[in-house]
Amino acid sequence: METLANQAANQAVLRLTVKNHPGVMSHVCGLFTRRSYNLEGIMVRPIRESGGENSRMWLLVNEEEKLEQVIRQTEKLVDVLDVEQHTVAGSIRNMKANPLIYLTLLLSLSSSVAIAAEADTSTNDSAGNEAAESEAPQRFVPPLTAAGKALLDDVNQRITNINTEELQAILKDHPETQVIDVRTPQEISLLGGHIDAPRHRNIMRSWIELQIDTIIPDKDAPIVVYCGVNQRSPLAADTLMKLGYTN
């Protein structure tokens, strides 16, 4: 397993100033939560620091040479006003004045190593496996707010929930069905599982608005969305319906 010191040596930090405007927080919450998201193969661990009219984002990037690519991807979602580049060591020095942000960075460094170790660890202890599976959804899905729960309840009334057996029957009769997996990369690595389908796609929910029209241009195409804990998939379905997808 890679040591914390070795991993930190390969990482860099971007501090972005992002303009606030109506709707920006939905993009910010989708991309900048305290978790890792895979931007074209680059693991990015965001740390949010709000402030005044704008929001500041500390992005802990695992591959220093990919910083420009991370910036370009980020600019597709939010209005970036300013970019500063720091080393991890320099960021720690700067963040010590803000204990919350400083602690978050240290926890991010530690937990990213732990996630890598978990993904490579196997065990025959069925009880341990069951415990890991039961805890995993809490690791990857932030608690819903009251508004989020209301939205989820509303969406579930407008979509059809099916099980894997029903999905296999649909795929047998309609192999053209598009199947979208909206789980995060680390959720997939920990939970495993995969639905075989001729038209299977991995698209994170926060990227659907940017990618879906080029991946699935036919808005009448039959689409099935799945995730790990039945939160992301209904919300992804809601996004698809708002974008005009009807089936």
Protein backbone atom coordinates (compact mmCIF):
# COMPACT_ATOMS: atom_id res chain seq x y z
CA MET A 1 0.00 0.00 0.00
CA GLU A 2 1.24 3.48 -0.83
CA THR A 3 2.30 5.43 2.24
CA LEU A 4 0.72 8.76 3.14
CA ALA A 5 4.02 10.57 2.61
CA ASN A 6 4.54 9.03 -0.85
CA GLN A 7 1.01 9.84 -1.92
CA ALA A 8 1.26 13.44 -0.73
CA ALA A 9 4.46 13.87 -2.76
CA ASN A 10 2.51 13.01 -5.95
CA GLN A 11 -0.39 15.34 -5.19
CA ALA A 12 -0.99 19.02 -5.73
CA VAL A 13 -3.66 21.46 -4.60
CA LEU A 14 -5.71 23.94 -6.61
CA ARG A 15 -7.53 26.75 -4.85
CA LEU A 16 -10.37 27.98 -7.06
CA THR A 17 -12.54 31.05 -6.54
CA VAL A 18 -15.96 30.34 -8.00
CA LYS A 19 -18.65 32.90 -8.75
CA ASN A 20 -21.97 32.41 -7.00
CA HIS A 21 -25.13 32.72 -9.10
CA PRO A 22 -28.61 31.15 -9.05
CA GLY A 23 -28.24 27.40 -9.46
CA VAL A 24 -24.49 27.29 -8.97
CA MET A 25 -24.75 25.45 -5.66
CA SER A 26 -26.45 22.47 -7.32
CA HIS A 27 -23.38 22.10 -9.53
CA VAL A 28 -21.07 22.78 -6.60
CA CYS A 29 -22.80 20.19 -4.41
CA GLY A 30 -22.69 17.68 -7.24
CA LEU A 31 -18.97 18.08 -7.89
CA PHE A 32 -17.54 19.55 -4.70
CA THR A 33 -18.54 17.28 -1.86
CA ARG A 34 -16.02 15.80 0.56
CA ARG A 35 -15.57 12.74 -1.62
CA SER A 36 -13.47 11.74 -4.62
CA TYR A 37 -14.79 11.99 -8.17
CA ASN A 38 -13.05 10.65 -11.23
CA LEU A 39 -12.58 13.39 -13.84
CA GLU A 40 -11.40 11.55 -16.95
CA GLY A 41 -9.28 9.17 -14.91
CA ILE A 42 -8.03 11.75 -12.39
CA MET A 43 -9.00 11.31 -8.77
CA VAL A 44 -9.93 14.70 -7.29
CA ARG A 45 -10.75 15.18 -3.59
CA PRO A 46 -12.62 18.50 -3.16
CA ILE A 47 -12.70 20.55 0.04
CA ARG A 48 -15.21 23.39 0.19
CA GLU A 49 -14.54 26.76 1.85
CA SER A 50 -17.43 29.21 1.46
CA GLY A 51 -16.91 32.93 1.60
CA GLY A 52 -18.99 36.01 0.74
CA GLU A 53 -20.21 36.49 -2.80
CA ASN A 54 -17.94 33.74 -4.07
CA SER A 55 -17.01 30.26 -2.93
CA ARG A 56 -13.46 28.96 -2.65
CA MET A 57 -12.69 25.36 -3.49
CA TRP A 58 -9.55 23.46 -2.50
CA LEU A 59 -9.05 20.57 -4.94
CA LEU A 60 -6.61 17.91 -3.81
CA VAL A 61 -5.48 16.35 -7.13
CA ASN A 62 -3.75 12.97 -7.18
CA GLU A 63 -1.76 13.61 -10.37
CA GLU A 64 0.05 16.95 -10.40
CA GLU A 65 0.66 16.88 -14.16
CA LYS A 66 -3.11 16.73 -14.78
CA LEU A 67 -3.96 20.03 -13.08
CA GLU A 68 -4.82 21.82 -16.33
CA GLN A 69 -7.22 19.05 -17.26
CA VAL A 70 -8.92 19.30 -13.87
CA ILE A 71 -9.32 23.06 -14.33
CA ARG A 72 -10.88 22.61 -17.78
CA GLN A 73 -13.35 20.04 -16.48
CA THR A 74 -14.26 22.24 -13.53
CA GLU A 75 -14.86 25.25 -15.77
CA LYS A 76 -17.51 23.26 -17.64
CA LEU A 77 -19.63 23.20 -14.48
CA VAL A 78 -18.97 26.47 -12.68
CA ASP A 79 -17.73 30.00 -13.37
CA VAL A 80 -14.11 29.97 -12.18
CA LEU A 81 -12.84 33.46 -11.34
CA ASP A 82 -9.35 32.70 -10.08
CA VAL A 83 -6.99 29.74 -9.79
CA GLU A 84 -4.06 29.30 -7.41
CA GLN A 85 -1.73 26.31 -7.37
CA HIS A 86 -0.13 25.08 -4.15
CA THR A 87 1.89 22.13 -3.00
CA VAL A 88 0.28 19.91 -0.38
CA ALA A 89 2.86 21.03 2.19
CA GLY A 90 2.30 24.68 1.36
CA SER A 91 -1.48 24.26 1.59
CA ILE A 92 -1.16 22.68 5.00
CA ARG A 93 0.84 25.68 6.17
CA ASN A 94 -1.76 28.09 4.74
CA MET A 95 -4.69 26.13 6.17
CA LYS A 96 -3.43 25.96 9.74
CA ALA A 97 -5.14 29.30 10.33
CA ASN A 98 -8.44 27.55 9.52
CA PRO A 99 -8.57 24.40 11.67
CA LEU A 100 -11.66 22.99 9.93
CA ILE A 101 -10.18 23.16 6.44
CA TYR A 102 -6.78 22.01 7.71
CA LEU A 103 -8.33 19.00 9.44
CA THR A 104 -10.40 18.17 6.37
CA LEU A 105 -7.31 18.12 4.16
CA LEU A 106 -5.51 15.78 6.55
CA LEU A 107 -8.55 13.50 6.74
CA SER A 108 -8.79 13.54 2.95
CA LEU A 109 -5.18 12.47 2.61
CA SER A 110 -5.66 9.68 5.14
CA SER A 111 -8.99 8.40 3.84
CA SER A 112 -7.86 8.34 0.20
CA VAL A 113 -5.15 5.88 1.24
CA ALA A 114 -7.71 3.89 3.26
CA ILE A 115 -10.07 3.66 0.29
CA ALA A 116 -7.25 2.37 -1.91
CA ALA A 117 -6.42 -0.26 0.72
CA GLU A 118 -10.07 -1.31 1.02
CA ALA A 119 -10.36 -1.79 -2.70
CA ASP A 120 -7.39 -4.18 -2.69
CA THR A 121 -8.39 -6.15 0.42
CA SER A 122 -10.28 -9.46 0.17
CA THR A 123 -11.71 -11.61 2.94
CA ASN A 124 -13.65 -14.83 3.31
CA ASP A 125 -15.41 -13.58 6.44
CA SER A 126 -19.05 -13.43 5.35
CA ALA A 127 -20.07 -11.45 8.44
CA GLY A 128 -17.36 -8.89 7.69
CA ASN A 129 -18.50 -8.66 4.07
CA GLU A 130 -22.11 -8.10 5.11
CA ALA A 131 -21.06 -5.39 7.56
CA ALA A 132 -18.98 -3.64 4.90
CA GLU A 133 -21.88 -3.75 2.44
CA SER A 134 -24.32 -2.36 5.00
CA GLU A 135 -21.95 0.48 5.92
CA ALA A 136 -20.89 1.30 2.37
CA PRO A 137 -23.97 3.31 1.32
CA GLN A 138 -23.40 5.71 4.22
CA ARG A 139 -19.84 6.31 3.06
CA PHE A 140 -20.80 7.33 -0.46
CA VAL A 141 -24.16 9.07 -0.18
CA PRO A 142 -24.47 12.28 1.86
CA PRO A 143 -27.55 12.50 4.12
CA LEU A 144 -30.57 13.94 2.33
CA THR A 145 -32.00 17.26 3.45
CA ALA A 146 -35.76 17.58 3.98
CA ALA A 147 -36.02 19.13 0.51
CA GLY A 148 -33.96 16.27 -0.93
CA LYS A 149 -36.21 13.66 0.67
CA ALA A 150 -39.30 15.44 -0.68
CA LEU A 151 -37.77 15.49 -4.17
CA LEU A 152 -36.85 11.81 -3.93
CA ASP A 153 -40.41 10.90 -2.86
CA ASP A 154 -41.83 12.95 -5.73
CA VAL A 155 -39.50 11.40 -8.32
CA ASN A 156 -40.25 7.85 -7.12
CA GLN A 157 -43.91 8.46 -7.90
CA ARG A 158 -43.05 9.38 -11.49
CA ILE A 159 -40.66 6.56 -12.36
CA THR A 160 -40.91 2.78 -12.45
CA ASN A 161 -38.66 0.95 -9.98
CA ILE A 162 -37.64 -2.53 -11.12
CA ASN A 163 -35.40 -5.29 -9.77
CA THR A 164 -32.51 -6.97 -11.60
CA GLU A 165 -34.67 -9.90 -12.76
CA GLU A 166 -37.16 -7.50 -14.35
CA LEU A 167 -34.28 -5.63 -15.97
CA GLN A 168 -32.89 -8.83 -17.50
CA ALA A 169 -36.32 -9.56 -18.95
CA ILE A 170 -36.47 -6.06 -20.44
CA LEU A 171 -32.99 -6.43 -21.95
CA LYS A 172 -33.94 -9.76 -23.45
CA ASP A 173 -36.97 -8.27 -25.20
CA HIS A 174 -35.45 -4.83 -25.85
CA PRO A 175 -31.65 -5.07 -26.23
CA GLU A 176 -31.57 -1.46 -27.41
CA THR A 177 -32.31 -0.30 -23.84
CA GLN A 178 -29.70 2.11 -22.52
CA VAL A 179 -28.45 1.16 -19.03
CA ILE A 180 -26.75 3.95 -17.04
CA ASP A 181 -24.69 3.26 -13.91
CA VAL A 182 -24.47 6.45 -11.81
CA ARG A 183 -22.29 5.05 -9.01
CA THR A 184 -19.00 6.77 -8.16
CA PRO A 185 -15.72 4.99 -8.98
CA GLN A 186 -14.91 4.26 -5.34
CA GLU A 187 -18.44 2.98 -4.70
CA ILE A 188 -18.00 0.55 -7.60
CA SER A 189 -14.60 -0.57 -6.35
CA LEU A 190 -15.89 -1.25 -2.84
CA LEU A 191 -19.36 -2.64 -3.56
CA GLY A 192 -18.57 -4.34 -6.87
CA GLY A 193 -21.42 -5.57 -9.04
CA HIS A 194 -22.16 -4.84 -12.67
CA ILE A 195 -25.16 -5.27 -14.97
CA ASP A 196 -24.23 -6.70 -18.34
CA ALA A 197 -26.06 -4.92 -21.11
CA PRO A 198 -25.26 -4.23 -24.79
CA ARG A 199 -25.64 -0.49 -24.17
CA HIS A 200 -24.18 -0.03 -20.68
CA ARG A 201 -22.81 3.38 -19.67
CA ASN A 202 -21.00 4.70 -16.59
CA ILE A 203 -21.99 8.33 -16.06
CA MET A 204 -21.82 10.04 -12.68
CA ARG A 205 -25.04 11.86 -11.84
CA SER A 206 -23.37 15.28 -11.64
CA TRP A 207 -22.12 14.85 -15.24
CA ILE A 208 -25.37 13.76 -16.88
CA GLU A 209 -26.36 17.26 -17.99
CA LEU A 210 -23.00 17.74 -19.72
CA GLN A 211 -22.64 14.34 -21.37
CA ILE A 212 -26.02 12.76 -21.99
CA ASP A 213 -26.97 14.56 -25.21
CA THR A 214 -23.84 13.33 -26.98
CA ILE A 215 -23.96 9.81 -25.50
CA ILE A 216 -27.71 9.23 -25.97
CA PRO A 217 -29.00 11.83 -28.47
CA ASP A 218 -32.35 10.02 -28.95
CA LYS A 219 -34.65 11.39 -26.24
CA ASP A 220 -37.20 8.65 -26.89
CA ALA A 221 -34.67 5.87 -26.24
CA PRO A 222 -35.59 3.46 -23.42
CA ILE A 223 -33.32 4.16 -20.42
CA VAL A 224 -32.72 2.32 -17.15
CA VAL A 225 -30.65 4.01 -14.41
CA TYR A 226 -29.14 2.22 -11.43
CA CYS A 227 -26.98 3.04 -8.41
CA GLY A 228 -25.98 1.38 -5.14
CA VAL A 229 -28.56 2.62 -2.63
CA ASN A 230 -31.54 3.89 -4.66
CA GLN A 231 -30.87 7.58 -4.16
CA ARG A 232 -28.74 8.65 -7.09
CA SER A 233 -30.69 6.69 -9.70
CA PRO A 234 -34.10 8.35 -9.04
CA LEU A 235 -32.47 11.79 -8.96
CA ALA A 236 -30.60 10.98 -12.18
CA ALA A 237 -33.92 9.91 -13.72
CA ASP A 238 -35.40 13.23 -12.64
CA THR A 239 -32.55 15.06 -14.39
CA LEU A 240 -33.14 13.02 -17.56
CA MET A 241 -36.86 13.84 -17.52
CA LYS A 242 -36.11 17.54 -17.09
CA LEU A 243 -33.78 17.31 -20.11
CA GLY A 244 -36.63 15.91 -22.20
CA TYR A 245 -35.97 12.16 -22.06
CA THR A 246 -39.36 10.45 -22.07
CA ASN A 247 -38.78 6.70 -21.71
